Amino acid sequence: MKKLPAAVLSLVLLLSSCPAGAAQETPVFLWSVTGKGGTVHLLGSVHVLKPDSYPLDRRITDAYGRSKRVMFEADMREMTRPEVHKALLDQGTYREGTLLKDHVSAKTYGLLQQKLASAGLPESRFERYKPWLCAVSLSGVELARLGFDPKWGIDAHFYALARRDGKETLFLETALAQIQLLSKTLSDRQEDLLRQSLRELEVIGLRSEELRRAWRRGDAAKLEGITSVSLREYPMVRDALFTQRNVRWISKIEELMGREGDSLVVVGAGHLVGREGVISLLQGKGYRPVQQ
């Protein structure tokens, strides 16, 4: 089974002020916040991109260059380990005698069939997947069809650089914890998760280039407006996938602020946005993140 990327997400636009008469530089999806020990740079990642998304803005590369360590959502190497692959199969597929269509409504399955037909994908490829694995798998296939590739994602880019440069790498979660989140925490919201993913792919299919342009120019208001459509329709999915995780991450980000030297934190851009995003949570604790 191939490694599957998460859906494209976004974060909020926060314009910084410029002195009178100075040229105003378009912001990027990067915030810096200084603690007692050092500065933490918070970079919103798009997990799948196209090669022409590079080179990155100098403010992003400079923040990486100054950082002694880089923190990611999870260790990408862990996803290749046999125990993780086994967990995907054990927790994400149905046993003999039951299929996906037996566990979701006829309406939801019909929406899935329509999506598979339009993408030219065989139904048999997904029929034994549980809704969460079907959602993740289909997202990966559809984004690849649109020309997006996880190897060009921001987190993959900096993960490779950090390993090459011998920087310390830290992780907010384990891959197994992420599987547990989808299969166990959201066990009573499996159909919602699949419906949310189908809705998200519909939006991305229509507006993928608009999303890319908005990310490049730091127009997070536009990005959030586009990518939050499906999550607004399924608030319980949003709470589990974003809000609760953001809250858990804050203490680990605070620990980095107590360490000497700069640190770079690379997380899905959607985790930084909104009233319950990482930026707002830090502001609520008295910190003053500044967008670059």
Protein backbone atom coordinates (compact mmCIF):
# COMPACT_ATOMS: atom_id res chain seq x y z
CA MET A 1 0.00 0.00 0.00
CA LYS A 2 1.41 3.39 -0.96
CA LYS A 3 1.96 6.17 1.53
CA LEU A 4 -1.05 8.45 1.27
CA PRO A 5 -1.02 12.21 1.69
CA ALA A 6 -3.43 14.23 3.71
CA ALA A 7 -5.79 16.65 2.06
CA VAL A 8 -4.64 20.18 1.12
CA LEU A 9 -5.27 22.59 3.97
CA SER A 10 -4.76 26.34 4.74
CA LEU A 11 -4.00 28.96 7.37
CA VAL A 12 -5.05 32.51 8.20
CA LEU A 13 -3.67 35.75 6.72
CA LEU A 14 -2.19 38.22 9.21
CA LEU A 15 -0.64 41.31 7.60
CA SER A 16 2.24 42.91 9.45
CA SER A 17 2.63 46.68 9.44
CA CYS A 18 5.34 48.54 7.52
CA PRO A 19 6.93 51.93 8.18
CA ALA A 20 5.37 54.82 6.28
CA GLY A 21 6.70 54.97 2.76
CA ALA A 22 8.23 51.49 2.86
CA ALA A 23 7.27 48.89 0.27
CA GLN A 24 4.94 46.31 1.81
CA GLU A 25 6.11 42.77 1.22
CA THR A 26 3.48 40.13 0.65
CA PRO A 27 3.37 37.89 3.74
CA VAL A 28 4.06 34.18 3.67
CA PHE A 29 2.58 31.35 5.74
CA LEU A 30 5.21 31.69 8.44
CA TRP A 31 4.92 33.09 11.96
CA SER A 32 7.69 33.67 14.49
CA VAL A 33 7.17 33.75 18.24
CA THR A 34 9.90 34.37 20.82
CA GLY A 35 9.98 32.66 24.20
CA LYS A 36 12.38 32.64 27.13
CA GLY A 37 14.94 30.46 25.41
CA GLY A 38 14.60 30.96 21.68
CA THR A 39 12.40 31.77 18.71
CA VAL A 40 9.99 29.26 17.21
CA HIS A 41 9.05 29.64 13.54
CA LEU A 42 5.64 28.15 12.68
CA LEU A 43 5.37 27.17 9.03
CA GLY A 44 2.07 26.13 7.48
CA SER A 45 2.65 23.17 5.21
CA VAL A 46 0.76 22.11 2.14
CA HIS A 47 1.28 18.35 2.19
CA VAL A 48 1.07 17.90 -1.59
CA LEU A 49 2.33 20.36 -4.18
CA LYS A 50 3.71 20.58 -7.71
CA PRO A 51 7.41 21.00 -8.57
CA ASP A 52 6.86 24.53 -9.85
CA SER A 53 6.00 25.56 -6.27
CA TYR A 54 9.75 25.90 -5.70
CA PRO A 55 11.97 27.74 -4.90
CA LEU A 56 10.38 28.83 -1.64
CA ASP A 57 10.36 32.40 -0.39
CA ARG A 58 13.64 33.46 1.25
CA ARG A 59 11.88 34.17 4.56
CA ILE A 60 10.95 30.50 4.79
CA THR A 61 14.40 29.22 3.82
CA ASP A 62 16.08 31.71 6.16
CA ALA A 63 13.94 30.51 9.08
CA TYR A 64 15.02 26.95 8.33
CA GLY A 65 18.66 28.01 8.08
CA ARG A 66 18.56 29.69 11.51
CA SER A 67 16.85 26.73 13.21
CA LYS A 68 18.80 24.15 15.16
CA ARG A 69 15.92 21.72 15.12
CA VAL A 70 12.77 20.99 13.11
CA MET A 71 9.50 19.60 14.48
CA PHE A 72 7.00 17.79 12.23
CA GLU A 73 3.55 16.28 12.75
CA ALA A 74 4.97 12.75 12.47
CA ASP A 75 8.07 10.87 11.38
CA MET A 76 7.79 10.10 7.67
CA ARG A 77 10.16 7.15 8.01
CA GLU A 78 7.77 5.58 10.49
CA MET A 79 5.13 5.29 7.77
CA THR A 80 7.31 2.76 5.93
CA ARG A 81 7.69 0.42 8.90
CA PRO A 82 6.01 -3.01 8.76
CA GLU A 83 4.05 -2.48 11.99
CA VAL A 84 2.48 0.69 10.60
CA HIS A 85 1.57 -1.03 7.34
CA LYS A 86 0.05 -3.88 9.35
CA ALA A 87 -1.97 -1.41 11.45
CA LEU A 88 -3.31 0.22 8.28
CA LEU A 89 -4.54 -3.12 6.99
CA ASP A 90 -5.81 -4.43 10.32
CA GLN A 91 -7.69 -1.27 11.28
CA GLY A 92 -8.58 -0.03 7.81
CA THR A 93 -10.03 -3.03 5.96
CA TYR A 94 -13.05 -5.27 6.39
CA ARG A 95 -12.74 -9.02 6.80
CA GLU A 96 -14.33 -11.59 4.51
CA GLY A 97 -18.08 -11.35 4.14
CA THR A 98 -18.54 -7.60 4.53
CA LEU A 99 -17.81 -4.61 2.28
CA LEU A 100 -17.76 -0.83 2.52
CA LYS A 101 -21.24 -0.56 0.99
CA ASP A 102 -22.62 -2.58 3.93
CA HIS A 103 -21.48 0.06 6.43
CA VAL A 104 -22.56 3.38 4.88
CA SER A 105 -25.86 4.69 3.59
CA ALA A 106 -26.91 4.12 0.00
CA LYS A 107 -26.67 7.87 -0.58
CA THR A 108 -23.05 8.05 0.62
CA TYR A 109 -22.07 4.99 -1.36
CA GLY A 110 -23.71 6.46 -4.43
CA LEU A 111 -21.63 9.64 -4.03
CA LEU A 112 -18.52 7.50 -3.78
CA GLN A 113 -19.45 5.56 -6.91
CA GLN A 114 -19.96 8.81 -8.80
CA LYS A 115 -16.53 10.05 -7.73
CA LEU A 116 -14.84 6.79 -8.68
CA ALA A 117 -16.53 6.76 -12.08
CA SER A 118 -15.53 10.35 -12.85
CA ALA A 119 -11.94 9.59 -11.87
CA GLY A 120 -11.86 6.36 -13.88
CA LEU A 121 -11.20 4.23 -10.78
CA PRO A 122 -12.56 0.71 -10.26
CA GLU A 123 -14.96 0.22 -7.39
CA SER A 124 -13.23 -3.05 -6.50
CA ARG A 125 -10.08 -1.13 -5.50
CA PHE A 126 -11.87 0.43 -2.52
CA GLU A 127 -14.70 -1.97 -1.67
CA ARG A 128 -12.94 -3.61 1.30
CA TYR A 129 -11.65 -0.36 2.79
CA LYS A 130 -13.31 1.08 5.86
CA PRO A 131 -14.60 4.62 5.34
CA TRP A 132 -11.55 6.35 6.87
CA LEU A 133 -9.04 4.41 4.76
CA CYS A 134 -11.20 4.85 1.66
CA ALA A 135 -11.19 8.62 2.31
CA VAL A 136 -7.42 8.81 2.73
CA SER A 137 -6.72 6.49 -0.23
CA LEU A 138 -9.10 8.25 -2.59
CA SER A 139 -7.70 11.65 -1.61
CA GLY A 140 -4.20 10.49 -2.47
CA VAL A 141 -5.21 9.07 -5.84
CA GLU A 142 -7.30 12.09 -6.82
CA LEU A 143 -4.68 14.65 -5.82
CA ALA A 144 -2.10 12.72 -7.83
CA ARG A 145 -4.44 12.83 -10.82
CA LEU A 146 -4.53 16.62 -10.46
CA GLY A 147 -0.73 16.73 -10.58
CA PHE A 148 -0.02 17.06 -6.86
CA ASP A 149 2.64 14.85 -5.28
CA PRO A 150 3.55 14.37 -1.58
CA LYS A 151 7.25 14.37 -2.46
CA TRP A 152 6.88 18.09 -3.29
CA GLY A 153 5.00 18.82 -0.07
CA ILE A 154 6.50 21.40 2.29
CA ASP A 155 6.92 18.94 5.15
CA ALA A 156 8.59 16.34 2.90
CA HIS A 157 10.93 19.04 1.56
CA PHE A 158 12.13 20.14 4.99
CA TYR A 159 12.22 16.60 6.35
CA ALA A 160 14.70 15.68 3.64
CA LEU A 161 16.74 18.83 4.26
CA ALA A 162 16.84 18.31 8.02
CA ARG A 163 18.09 14.75 7.61
CA ARG A 164 20.68 15.85 5.06
CA ASP A 165 21.91 18.69 7.27
CA GLY A 166 22.00 16.63 10.45
CA LYS A 167 19.49 18.81 12.30
CA GLU A 168 17.59 17.46 15.26
CA THR A 169 14.12 16.26 14.25
CA LEU A 170 11.17 16.13 16.63
CA PHE A 171 7.60 14.92 16.18
CA LEU A 172 4.24 15.95 17.60
CA GLU A 173 2.62 12.55 17.06
CA THR A 174 3.36 9.01 15.98
CA ALA A 175 2.05 7.46 12.77
CA LEU A 176 0.26 4.83 14.85
CA ALA A 177 -1.47 7.58 16.85
CA GLN A 178 -2.69 9.12 13.60
CA ILE A 179 -4.13 5.78 12.51
CA GLN A 180 -5.82 5.43 15.91
CA LEU A 181 -7.30 8.89 15.49
CA LEU A 182 -8.94 7.98 12.20
CA SER A 183 -9.99 4.45 13.09
CA LYS A 184 -10.85 4.69 16.80
CA THR A 185 -11.42 8.30 17.87
CA LEU A 186 -13.64 8.87 14.84
CA SER A 187 -15.15 5.37 14.94
CA ASP A 188 -18.69 6.76 15.31
CA ARG A 189 -18.12 9.36 12.58
CA GLN A 190 -16.79 7.13 9.82
CA GLU A 191 -19.47 7.99 7.30
CA ASP A 192 -19.08 11.72 8.06
CA LEU A 193 -15.34 11.38 7.48
CA LEU A 194 -15.91 9.82 4.06
CA ARG A 195 -18.55 12.41 3.12
CA GLN A 196 -16.26 15.25 4.24
CA SER A 197 -13.43 13.88 2.14
CA LEU A 198 -15.65 13.56 -0.95
CA ARG A 199 -16.84 17.15 -0.47
CA GLU A 200 -13.28 18.37 -0.02
CA LEU A 201 -12.15 16.67 -3.21
CA GLU A 202 -15.04 18.30 -5.05
CA VAL A 203 -13.86 21.74 -3.91
CA ILE A 204 -10.20 21.05 -4.64
CA GLY A 205 -11.02 19.67 -8.07
CA LEU A 206 -12.73 22.92 -9.01
CA ARG A 207 -10.32 25.33 -7.33
CA SER A 208 -6.93 23.61 -6.97
CA GLU A 209 -5.00 26.24 -8.92
CA GLU A 210 -6.74 29.01 -7.03
CA LEU A 211 -5.68 27.35 -3.80
CA ARG A 212 -2.07 27.11 -4.93
CA ARG A 213 -1.94 30.76 -5.93
CA ALA A 214 -3.48 31.83 -2.65
CA TRP A 215 -0.87 29.89 -0.68
CA ARG A 216 1.99 31.36 -2.69
CA ARG A 217 0.87 34.95 -2.14
CA GLY A 218 -0.11 34.48 1.49
CA ASP A 219 -3.80 35.09 0.92
CA ALA A 220 -4.96 32.96 3.81
CA ALA A 221 -8.38 34.55 3.94
CA LYS A 222 -9.00 33.14 0.46
CA LEU A 223 -7.44 29.81 1.34
CA GLU A 224 -9.43 29.36 4.50
CA GLY A 225 -12.63 30.33 2.76
CA ILE A 226 -12.13 27.61 0.15
CA THR A 227 -10.79 24.78 2.28
CA SER A 228 -13.07 25.19 5.29
CA VAL A 229 -16.23 24.45 3.26
CA SER A 230 -16.29 20.72 3.95
CA LEU A 231 -15.16 21.05 7.55
CA ARG A 232 -17.95 23.50 8.38
CA GLU A 233 -20.41 20.87 7.21
CA TYR A 234 -18.89 18.22 9.53
CA PRO A 235 -17.94 19.97 12.80
CA MET A 236 -17.26 16.75 14.73
CA VAL A 237 -14.67 15.74 12.15
CA ARG A 238 -13.09 19.18 12.37
CA ASP A 239 -12.96 18.99 16.16
CA ALA A 240 -11.16 15.63 16.17
CA LEU A 241 -8.80 16.27 13.26
CA PHE A 242 -7.89 19.86 14.11
CA THR A 243 -9.12 21.48 17.32
CA GLN A 244 -8.23 18.74 19.80
CA ARG A 245 -4.85 18.10 18.22
CA ASN A 246 -3.99 21.81 18.19
CA VAL A 247 -4.63 22.00 21.93
CA ARG A 248 -2.39 18.98 22.57
CA TRP A 249 0.42 20.48 20.49
CA ILE A 250 0.66 23.80 22.33
CA SER A 251 2.63 22.45 25.29
CA LYS A 252 5.21 20.90 22.95
CA ILE A 253 5.59 24.16 21.06
CA GLU A 254 6.02 25.99 24.36
CA GLU A 255 8.80 23.56 25.31
CA LEU A 256 10.66 24.56 22.16
CA MET A 257 10.48 28.23 23.20
CA GLY A 258 12.42 27.31 26.33
CA ARG A 259 15.27 25.74 24.37
CA GLU A 260 18.29 27.69 23.23
CA GLY A 261 18.33 28.76 19.59
CA ASP A 262 15.68 28.86 16.89
CA SER A 263 13.31 26.00 16.06
CA LEU A 264 11.12 25.43 13.00
CA VAL A 265 7.71 23.77 13.40
CA VAL A 266 6.16 22.45 10.18
CA VAL A 267 2.49 21.46 10.43
CA GLY A 268 -0.44 21.33 8.05
CA ALA A 269 -1.46 24.90 7.31
CA GLY A 270 -5.01 24.31 8.51
CA HIS A 271 -3.73 23.80 12.04
CA LEU A 272 -2.59 27.41 12.25
CA VAL A 273 -5.81 29.02 11.12
CA GLY A 274 -8.92 30.24 12.87
CA ARG A 275 -10.09 30.86 16.41
CA GLU A 276 -9.02 27.39 17.54
CA GLY A 277 -5.83 27.27 15.48
CA VAL A 278 -2.32 27.19 16.91
CA ILE A 279 -1.73 30.91 16.32
CA SER A 280 -4.87 31.93 18.23
CA LEU A 281 -4.16 29.45 21.02
CA LEU A 282 -0.68 30.93 21.49
CA GLN A 283 -2.11 34.44 21.50
CA GLY A 284 -4.56 33.35 24.17
CA LYS A 285 -1.62 32.33 26.35
CA GLY A 286 -0.02 35.74 26.03
CA TYR A 287 2.43 35.09 23.18
CA ARG A 288 2.72 37.44 20.20
CA PRO A 289 3.28 35.46 16.99
CA VAL A 290 4.29 37.75 14.11
CA GLN A 291 3.69 36.80 10.50
CA GLN A 292 6.70 37.12 8.24
